[in-house]
Amino acid sequence: MTPTIEEYSALLRINNIQLNKIYLKEPKLMTFKKKLMKLTGMTDTWAEKQ
């Protein structure tokens, strides 16, 4: 049996959690592009032209 959000919030004593929202972190697109450029060896000017 999987614990619910209510059970987790009771265990952790989190009072300000909004139960009707899903908490997730959106990826930063520019950070991903910069990491990809480093891996592939591209330069900033070449990537901007594409």
C-alpha atoms as a PDB file:
ATOM      1  CA  MET A   1       0.000   0.000   0.000  1.00  0.00           C
ATOM      2  CA  THR A   2       1.397   3.376  -1.011  1.00  0.00           C
ATOM      3  CA  PRO A   3       1.147   6.292   1.438  1.00  0.00           C
ATOM      4  CA  THR A   4      -0.899   9.280   0.295  1.00  0.00           C
ATOM      5  CA  ILE A   5       0.205  12.906   0.290  1.00  0.00           C
ATOM      6  CA  GLU A   6      -1.882  13.485   3.411  1.00  0.00           C
ATOM      7  CA  GLU A   7      -0.013  10.722   5.229  1.00  0.00           C
ATOM      8  CA  TYR A   8       3.370  12.068   4.120  1.00  0.00           C
ATOM      9  CA  SER A   9       2.475  15.606   5.187  1.00  0.00           C
ATOM     10  CA  ALA A  10       1.291  14.291   8.569  1.00  0.00           C
ATOM     11  CA  LEU A  11       4.538  12.353   9.038  1.00  0.00           C
ATOM     12  CA  LEU A  12       6.696  15.303   8.047  1.00  0.00           C
ATOM     13  CA  ARG A  13       4.384  17.821   9.769  1.00  0.00           C
ATOM     14  CA  ILE A  14       4.136  19.999   6.674  1.00  0.00           C
ATOM     15  CA  ASN A  15       1.231  22.363   7.147  1.00  0.00           C
ATOM     16  CA  ASN A  16       1.558  24.613   4.107  1.00  0.00           C
ATOM     17  CA  ILE A  17       1.534  21.926   1.409  1.00  0.00           C
ATOM     18  CA  GLN A  18      -1.195  22.360  -1.207  1.00  0.00           C
ATOM     19  CA  LEU A  19      -2.642  18.927  -1.760  1.00  0.00           C
ATOM     20  CA  ASN A  20      -4.270  19.672  -5.105  1.00  0.00           C
ATOM     21  CA  LYS A  21      -1.015  20.699  -6.822  1.00  0.00           C
ATOM     22  CA  ILE A  22       1.735  18.523  -8.219  1.00  0.00           C
ATOM     23  CA  TYR A  23       5.205  19.646  -7.250  1.00  0.00           C
ATOM     24  CA  LEU A  24       7.830  19.278  -9.926  1.00  0.00           C
ATOM     25  CA  LYS A  25      10.776  21.246 -11.130  1.00  0.00           C
ATOM     26  CA  GLU A  26      10.734  22.301 -14.748  1.00  0.00           C
ATOM     27  CA  PRO A  27      14.033  21.872 -16.560  1.00  0.00           C
ATOM     28  CA  LYS A  28      15.823  25.040 -17.530  1.00  0.00           C
ATOM     29  CA  LEU A  29      16.104  24.986 -21.302  1.00  0.00           C
ATOM     30  CA  MET A  30      19.121  27.257 -21.524  1.00  0.00           C
ATOM     31  CA  THR A  31      21.045  25.203 -18.974  1.00  0.00           C
ATOM     32  CA  PHE A  32      20.339  22.075 -21.003  1.00  0.00           C
ATOM     33  CA  LYS A  33      21.504  23.778 -24.201  1.00  0.00           C
ATOM     34  CA  LYS A  34      24.724  24.952 -22.563  1.00  0.00           C
ATOM     35  CA  LYS A  35      25.490  21.474 -21.243  1.00  0.00           C
ATOM     36  CA  LEU A  36      24.777  20.009 -24.670  1.00  0.00           C
ATOM     37  CA  MET A  37      27.091  22.552 -26.312  1.00  0.00           C
ATOM     38  CA  LYS A  38      29.891  21.629 -23.902  1.00  0.00           C
ATOM     39  CA  LEU A  39      29.448  17.922 -24.615  1.00  0.00           C
ATOM     40  CA  THR A  40      29.437  18.350 -28.380  1.00  0.00           C
ATOM     41  CA  GLY A  41      32.152  21.018 -28.472  1.00  0.00           C
ATOM     42  CA  MET A  42      29.994  23.668 -30.146  1.00  0.00           C
ATOM     43  CA  THR A  43      30.606  27.365 -29.648  1.00  0.00           C
ATOM     44  CA  ASP A  44      27.984  29.936 -28.612  1.00  0.00           C
ATOM     45  CA  THR A  45      28.070  31.771 -31.938  1.00  0.00           C
ATOM     46  CA  TRP A  46      27.610  28.577 -33.968  1.00  0.00           C
ATOM     47  CA  ALA A  47      24.655  27.521 -31.815  1.00  0.00           C
ATOM     48  CA  GLU A  48      23.011  30.946 -32.141  1.00  0.00           C
ATOM     49  CA  LYS A  49      23.272  30.793 -35.949  1.00  0.00           C
ATOM     50  CA  GLN A  50      21.522  27.436 -36.029  1.00  0.00           C
END
